Amino acid sequence: MTDATNPDWLSTSILALQGAAKGGVGTLHELTEERQGRYHYTIGPYSDPVMTVRPGDRIKVWTQDCFEGRVKTEADKPSQVTEMPFINPQCGPIMVEGAEKGDAIAVYIETMEPRGENPRGTCCMIPEFGGLTGTIYTATLNDPLPEIVRKIDLDTENVFWSDRVTLPYKPHIGTIACSPELDSINSLTPDQHGGNMDMPDICPGNVLYLPVKVAGGRLFLGDCHACQGEGEVCGVAVEYPSITTIRVDLIKGWTLPWPRLETPDLIMSIGSARPLEDATRIAYRDLVYWMVDGYGFDKWDAYMMLSQCGKVKLGNFVDPKYTVGAAIEKKYLSV
């Protein structure tokens, strides 16, 4: 089991200081495949909720991989056993009591475990999908790259990529969001609501803050990865079914334009757009305003300071929109 829980840092987190539960831990719920029923391929306000929880409650979520388990062997080609855009099945929506438009839902990721006996992950190349090939958004006359599927053994310590290479098990949630107010957005696309950000920092031990646009928040999550590099360059991480345990809280009146992330050492604003530089601009601008509103910085001082010590983290640059996180270490935020 991967467990990055650190009570020492959580006690000083925004979740603990501003959350409705004040860092307290409530009831444990389990969202199994049976309870979920049908998975969702859009994130929006129109699907029926699967459960309602209170701030501070914990949820053990049984996620499917991004192909909903259809790619069973290396002979199963995604183009034959799946259909775009039915990728990244989402669990939920989960309602949070008291959540209203203008609030924020905090999601503390406690643990992520491989699900099933002899767990295996899947990586592949999909025609006209990925960072180094022509796609419908970056159209070329070149032939698509070959369709290759790789099944990968893994456990809670290692991802056994090949006889030559063993990678560390570093899980994260690829797609997580609250509902937009009006639109229902496909689960392949990241935007202001969150979505398919593929940000490796959305991982055990960290807290994600999502904007609430509708009553209850309507939290969705899925598309978990056993490991992934920044950029997810071929378009697919090591996709796997998981049991992901999260704790949710509610921060009243904290109106977020974009998702934000907190770790023991830094804060991060997350933006999604095309081109990649616009995603970076969105993230850095939101980080400037966060430093002003949350930490008392002068706007222009924060702007110039980030030019010296800001950090950029790359989520994906293969999906309909690209995702970038702009971050600053907490040691520079203290008075």
Protein backbone atom coordinates (compact mmCIF):
# COMPACT_ATOMS: atom_id res chain seq x y z
CA MET A 1 0.00 0.00 0.00
CA THR A 2 1.24 3.47 -0.89
CA ASP A 3 0.44 5.80 2.03
CA ALA A 4 1.98 9.25 2.08
CA THR A 5 -0.10 10.44 5.04
CA ASN A 6 1.79 12.96 7.12
CA PRO A 7 -0.31 14.25 10.04
CA ASP A 8 2.31 16.85 10.88
CA TRP A 9 1.89 18.75 7.63
CA LEU A 10 -1.85 18.13 7.33
CA SER A 11 -2.47 19.92 10.62
CA THR A 12 -1.21 23.13 9.01
CA SER A 13 -2.85 22.57 5.61
CA ILE A 14 -5.63 24.67 4.15
CA LEU A 15 -7.85 21.59 4.48
CA ALA A 16 -7.37 21.49 8.26
CA LEU A 17 -7.37 25.23 8.90
CA GLN A 18 -10.30 26.21 6.68
CA GLY A 19 -12.23 22.99 6.06
CA ALA A 20 -15.62 22.44 7.63
CA ALA A 21 -14.37 19.27 9.36
CA LYS A 22 -11.31 21.10 10.78
CA GLY A 23 -9.10 18.14 9.94
CA GLY A 24 -11.42 15.61 11.58
CA VAL A 25 -12.02 12.20 10.03
CA GLY A 26 -15.59 11.01 9.62
CA THR A 27 -17.35 7.93 8.27
CA LEU A 28 -15.69 5.54 5.83
CA HIS A 29 -17.75 4.80 2.70
CA GLU A 30 -17.00 2.27 -0.04
CA LEU A 31 -17.83 2.90 -3.68
CA THR A 32 -17.54 -0.56 -5.22
CA GLU A 33 -18.20 -1.51 -8.84
CA GLU A 34 -21.58 -2.88 -7.78
CA ARG A 35 -22.57 0.34 -6.03
CA GLN A 36 -21.28 2.49 -8.90
CA GLY A 37 -23.14 0.59 -11.58
CA ARG A 38 -22.69 2.44 -14.86
CA TYR A 39 -19.50 4.50 -15.22
CA HIS A 40 -19.66 7.98 -16.69
CA TYR A 41 -17.75 9.37 -19.66
CA THR A 42 -18.87 12.93 -19.13
CA ILE A 43 -18.52 15.14 -16.07
CA GLY A 44 -21.53 17.33 -15.52
CA PRO A 45 -24.70 18.16 -13.58
CA TYR A 46 -27.09 15.67 -15.19
CA SER A 47 -26.11 12.20 -13.89
CA ASP A 48 -27.64 10.56 -10.81
CA PRO A 49 -25.47 10.70 -7.65
CA VAL A 50 -24.16 7.42 -6.27
CA MET A 51 -23.69 8.59 -2.67
CA THR A 52 -23.75 11.59 -0.35
CA VAL A 53 -21.00 12.20 2.21
CA ARG A 54 -20.29 14.74 4.91
CA PRO A 55 -17.18 16.94 5.14
CA GLY A 56 -14.39 14.88 6.69
CA ASP A 57 -15.71 11.55 5.41
CA ARG A 58 -13.44 9.03 3.72
CA ILE A 59 -14.33 7.13 0.54
CA LYS A 60 -12.72 3.96 -0.75
CA VAL A 61 -13.28 4.15 -4.53
CA TRP A 62 -12.95 1.14 -6.82
CA THR A 63 -11.75 2.68 -10.09
CA GLN A 64 -11.48 1.01 -13.49
CA ASP A 65 -8.60 1.62 -15.86
CA CYS A 66 -9.01 4.11 -18.70
CA PHE A 67 -10.25 1.37 -21.06
CA GLU A 68 -12.81 0.05 -18.53
CA GLY A 69 -10.91 -3.27 -18.54
CA ARG A 70 -11.47 -4.00 -22.24
CA VAL A 71 -7.77 -4.27 -23.13
CA LYS A 72 -7.11 -7.64 -21.51
CA THR A 73 -4.09 -8.86 -23.48
CA GLU A 74 -1.41 -7.44 -25.74
CA ALA A 75 -3.43 -8.76 -28.70
CA ASP A 76 -6.38 -6.48 -27.83
CA LYS A 77 -6.04 -3.31 -29.86
CA PRO A 78 -7.69 -0.27 -28.26
CA SER A 79 -9.00 0.87 -31.65
CA GLN A 80 -10.92 -2.42 -31.91
CA VAL A 81 -12.16 -2.99 -28.33
CA THR A 82 -12.87 0.65 -27.37
CA GLU A 83 -14.55 3.57 -29.04
CA MET A 84 -13.53 7.19 -28.73
CA PRO A 85 -14.55 9.24 -26.80
CA PHE A 86 -15.56 6.47 -24.33
CA ILE A 87 -12.25 6.65 -22.46
CA ASN A 88 -11.53 7.35 -18.77
CA PRO A 89 -14.63 5.89 -17.02
CA GLN A 90 -15.54 8.00 -14.01
CA CYS A 91 -16.80 6.93 -10.60
CA GLY A 92 -19.40 9.18 -9.01
CA PRO A 93 -20.88 11.65 -8.84
CA ILE A 94 -20.35 11.92 -5.10
CA MET A 95 -22.34 14.65 -3.33
CA VAL A 96 -20.80 16.58 -0.43
CA GLU A 97 -23.29 17.90 2.10
CA GLY A 98 -23.38 21.67 2.32
CA ALA A 99 -21.39 22.33 -0.86
CA GLU A 100 -22.73 25.31 -2.81
CA LYS A 101 -21.63 27.36 -5.78
CA GLY A 102 -18.64 29.49 -4.77
CA ASP A 103 -17.23 26.95 -2.30
CA ALA A 104 -14.29 24.59 -2.79
CA ILE A 105 -14.11 20.85 -2.21
CA ALA A 106 -10.84 19.57 -0.77
CA VAL A 107 -9.76 16.04 -1.73
CA TYR A 108 -6.97 14.56 0.35
CA ILE A 109 -5.62 11.47 -1.41
CA GLU A 110 -4.74 8.94 1.29
CA THR A 111 -3.82 5.71 -0.51
CA MET A 112 -3.88 4.07 -3.92
CA GLU A 113 -3.64 0.29 -4.23
CA PRO A 114 -3.65 -1.98 -7.29
CA ARG A 115 -6.95 -3.84 -7.55
CA GLY A 116 -7.34 -7.53 -8.39
CA GLU A 117 -5.20 -10.63 -8.16
CA ASN A 118 -1.84 -10.45 -9.94
CA PRO A 119 -2.48 -6.82 -10.94
CA ARG A 120 -1.25 -5.63 -14.32
CA GLY A 121 -1.20 -2.23 -15.93
CA THR A 122 -1.62 -1.30 -19.58
CA CYS A 123 0.38 1.08 -21.74
CA CYS A 124 -0.12 1.44 -25.47
CA MET A 125 0.16 3.53 -28.59
CA ILE A 126 -3.17 4.51 -30.15
CA PRO A 127 -3.47 5.66 -33.76
CA GLU A 128 -3.56 9.46 -34.11
CA PHE A 129 -3.15 9.99 -30.37
CA GLY A 130 -0.10 11.16 -28.46
CA GLY A 131 2.45 13.95 -28.31
CA LEU A 132 4.70 12.93 -31.21
CA THR A 133 2.19 12.05 -33.92
CA GLY A 134 -0.44 13.74 -36.03
CA THR A 135 -3.91 13.94 -34.43
CA ILE A 136 -7.26 15.47 -35.31
CA TYR A 137 -6.03 18.64 -33.57
CA THR A 138 -2.56 18.60 -35.12
CA ALA A 139 -3.44 17.15 -38.49
CA THR A 140 -0.71 15.86 -40.84
CA LEU A 141 -0.58 13.63 -43.90
CA ASN A 142 1.80 11.21 -42.20
CA ASP A 143 0.56 7.69 -41.57
CA PRO A 144 -0.39 6.93 -37.94
CA LEU A 145 2.20 5.34 -35.69
CA PRO A 146 1.83 1.58 -35.08
CA GLU A 147 -0.72 0.39 -32.53
CA ILE A 148 1.23 -1.40 -29.80
CA VAL A 149 -0.09 -2.72 -26.47
CA ARG A 150 2.06 -3.51 -23.47
CA LYS A 151 0.82 -5.31 -20.34
CA ILE A 152 2.94 -4.57 -17.30
CA ASP A 153 3.19 -6.42 -13.99
CA LEU A 154 3.18 -4.21 -10.91
CA ASP A 155 2.87 -4.20 -7.15
CA THR A 156 2.82 -1.56 -4.43
CA GLU A 157 6.54 -0.91 -4.78
CA ASN A 158 7.47 -1.42 -8.41
CA VAL A 159 6.25 -1.27 -11.99
CA PHE A 160 8.07 -4.02 -13.90
CA TRP A 161 8.37 -2.31 -17.27
CA SER A 162 10.72 -4.88 -18.82
CA ASP A 163 13.50 -7.30 -18.02
CA ARG A 164 15.82 -4.33 -18.31
CA VAL A 165 13.88 -1.58 -16.52
CA THR A 166 11.95 -1.48 -13.23
CA LEU A 167 10.11 1.78 -12.46
CA PRO A 168 8.90 2.94 -9.05
CA TYR A 169 5.21 2.61 -8.22
CA LYS A 170 4.17 6.27 -8.05
CA PRO A 171 0.39 6.32 -8.42
CA HIS A 172 -1.79 9.32 -9.10
CA ILE A 173 -5.35 10.14 -10.19
CA GLY A 174 -5.44 11.05 -13.87
CA THR A 175 -9.00 12.41 -14.00
CA ILE A 176 -10.78 14.09 -11.10
CA ALA A 177 -13.27 16.96 -11.08
CA CYS A 178 -16.35 18.59 -9.71
CA SER A 179 -19.22 19.27 -12.09
CA PRO A 180 -19.30 22.35 -14.30
CA GLU A 181 -22.40 24.50 -13.81
CA LEU A 182 -24.05 23.97 -17.19
CA ASP A 183 -21.95 21.85 -19.54
CA SER A 184 -21.24 18.14 -19.36
CA ILE A 185 -17.59 17.76 -20.42
CA ASN A 186 -16.12 14.52 -21.71
CA SER A 187 -13.75 12.75 -19.34
CA LEU A 188 -10.81 13.12 -21.75
CA THR A 189 -10.76 16.93 -21.51
CA PRO A 190 -9.35 19.04 -18.66
CA ASP A 191 -10.66 22.55 -17.95
CA GLN A 192 -11.61 24.85 -15.06
CA HIS A 193 -13.55 22.06 -13.36
CA GLY A 194 -10.48 19.78 -13.27
CA GLY A 195 -10.97 16.73 -15.47
CA ASN A 196 -8.26 14.78 -17.27
CA MET A 197 -5.32 16.80 -15.95
CA ASP A 198 -2.92 13.83 -15.76
CA MET A 199 -0.89 15.74 -13.18
CA PRO A 200 1.48 13.36 -11.34
CA ASP A 201 1.27 15.56 -8.22
CA ILE A 202 -2.40 14.59 -7.72
CA CYS A 203 -1.12 11.67 -5.69
CA PRO A 204 -1.20 10.14 -2.20
CA GLY A 205 -0.18 12.61 0.47
CA ASN A 206 -1.38 15.73 -1.38
CA VAL A 207 -4.61 17.76 -1.29
CA LEU A 208 -6.47 18.89 -4.42
CA TYR A 209 -8.89 21.82 -4.21
CA LEU A 210 -11.70 21.94 -6.78
CA PRO A 211 -14.18 24.75 -7.52
CA VAL A 212 -17.84 24.04 -6.71
CA LYS A 213 -20.29 25.19 -9.39
CA VAL A 214 -23.43 23.24 -8.43
CA ALA A 215 -25.05 22.14 -5.17
CA GLY A 216 -23.25 19.15 -3.67
CA GLY A 217 -20.21 19.67 -5.87
CA ARG A 218 -20.75 16.37 -7.72
CA LEU A 219 -17.27 14.84 -7.42
CA PHE A 220 -16.06 12.44 -10.14
CA LEU A 221 -12.79 10.49 -10.31
CA GLY A 222 -11.11 7.70 -12.27
CA ASP A 223 -8.34 7.03 -14.80
CA CYS A 224 -5.74 6.12 -12.16
CA HIS A 225 -2.10 5.58 -13.11
CA ALA A 226 0.52 3.36 -11.47
CA CYS A 227 3.20 5.72 -12.81
CA GLN A 228 3.55 8.43 -15.42
CA GLY A 229 6.20 10.87 -16.56
CA GLU A 230 5.46 14.56 -16.98
CA GLY A 231 3.69 15.09 -20.28
CA GLU A 232 2.31 11.54 -20.72
CA VAL A 233 4.06 11.80 -24.08
CA CYS A 234 2.65 8.72 -25.87
CA GLY A 235 -0.82 9.59 -24.53
CA VAL A 236 -1.08 6.64 -22.14
CA ALA A 237 0.42 6.09 -18.69
CA VAL A 238 0.56 2.73 -16.91
CA GLU A 239 -3.22 2.50 -16.63
CA TYR A 240 -4.62 0.25 -13.93
CA PRO A 241 -7.69 -0.46 -11.80
CA SER A 242 -7.25 0.79 -8.26
CA ILE A 243 -8.73 1.08 -4.83
CA THR A 244 -8.19 4.76 -4.14
CA THR A 245 -9.01 6.11 -0.69
CA ILE A 246 -9.74 9.81 -0.40
CA ARG A 247 -10.92 12.14 2.35
CA VAL A 248 -13.17 15.03 1.32
CA ASP A 249 -13.77 18.34 3.05
CA LEU A 250 -15.58 21.56 2.25
CA ILE A 251 -14.19 25.09 2.33
CA LYS A 252 -17.05 27.58 2.39
CA GLY A 253 -16.73 30.76 0.37
CA TRP A 254 -13.37 29.93 -1.19
CA THR A 255 -14.15 30.65 -4.85
CA LEU A 256 -11.55 29.14 -7.16
CA PRO A 257 -11.25 29.95 -10.87
CA TRP A 258 -9.09 26.83 -11.46
CA PRO A 259 -8.04 23.74 -9.48
CA ARG A 260 -5.33 24.21 -6.87
CA LEU A 261 -3.03 21.72 -5.16
CA GLU A 262 -1.22 21.67 -1.83
CA THR A 263 1.68 19.42 -0.85
CA PRO A 264 3.81 19.40 2.30
CA ASP A 265 6.29 21.71 0.56
CA LEU A 266 4.48 23.82 -2.05
CA ILE A 267 1.25 25.24 -3.42
CA MET A 268 0.31 24.87 -7.08
CA SER A 269 -2.26 26.40 -9.42
CA ILE A 270 -3.34 24.21 -12.34
CA GLY A 271 -4.37 25.55 -15.76
CA SER A 272 -5.54 23.76 -18.90
CA ALA A 273 -5.66 25.19 -22.43
CA ARG A 274 -4.17 25.06 -25.90
CA PRO A 275 -1.52 26.11 -26.77
CA LEU A 276 0.72 24.97 -23.93
CA GLU A 277 1.92 28.51 -23.18
CA ASP A 278 -1.67 29.60 -22.49
CA ALA A 279 -2.05 26.81 -19.93
CA THR A 280 1.16 28.08 -18.31
CA ARG A 281 -0.13 31.66 -18.30
CA ILE A 282 -3.39 30.57 -16.66
CA ALA A 283 -1.54 28.65 -13.96
CA TYR A 284 0.94 31.40 -13.18
CA ARG A 285 -1.72 34.12 -13.13
CA ASP A 286 -3.86 32.15 -10.69
CA LEU A 287 -0.79 31.53 -8.53
CA VAL A 288 -0.08 35.28 -8.41
CA TYR A 289 -3.64 35.97 -7.24
CA TRP A 290 -3.41 33.14 -4.69
CA MET A 291 -0.25 34.69 -3.26
CA VAL A 292 -2.01 38.08 -3.05
CA ASP A 293 -5.30 36.88 -1.55
CA GLY A 294 -3.97 34.05 0.60
CA TYR A 295 -0.56 35.23 1.71
CA GLY A 296 -0.62 39.04 1.60
CA PHE A 297 1.80 39.62 -1.28
CA ASP A 298 1.76 42.69 -3.49
CA LYS A 299 0.66 41.58 -6.96
CA TRP A 300 3.69 42.93 -8.81
CA ASP A 301 6.11 41.68 -6.17
CA ALA A 302 4.59 38.19 -6.49
CA TYR A 303 4.83 38.37 -10.29
CA MET A 304 8.50 39.33 -10.27
CA MET A 305 9.30 36.89 -7.47
CA LEU A 306 7.80 33.94 -9.38
CA SER A 307 10.14 34.76 -12.23
CA GLN A 308 12.95 33.84 -9.84
CA CYS A 309 11.59 30.88 -7.84
CA GLY A 310 8.45 29.60 -9.58
CA LYS A 311 8.23 25.97 -10.65
CA VAL A 312 6.38 24.51 -13.61
CA LYS A 313 4.99 20.97 -13.59
CA LEU A 314 3.65 19.38 -16.76
CA GLY A 315 0.49 17.32 -16.66
CA ASN A 316 -0.40 16.19 -20.18
CA PHE A 317 0.22 17.72 -23.58
CA VAL A 318 -1.64 15.11 -25.59
CA ASP A 319 -5.32 15.60 -24.75
CA PRO A 320 -7.82 18.08 -26.22
CA LYS A 321 -6.37 20.65 -23.78
CA TYR A 322 -2.94 20.68 -22.17
CA THR A 323 -2.34 20.95 -18.41
CA VAL A 324 0.34 22.86 -16.52
CA GLY A 325 0.88 23.44 -12.81
CA ALA A 326 2.64 26.58 -11.58
CA ALA A 327 4.04 26.26 -8.05
CA ILE A 328 5.98 28.01 -5.33
CA GLU A 329 7.63 26.45 -2.30
CA LYS A 330 5.91 27.23 1.01
CA LYS A 331 9.13 28.44 2.58
CA TYR A 332 8.82 31.60 0.48
CA LEU A 333 5.25 32.25 1.65
CA SER A 334 5.87 32.53 5.38
CA VAL A 335 5.78 35.98 6.95
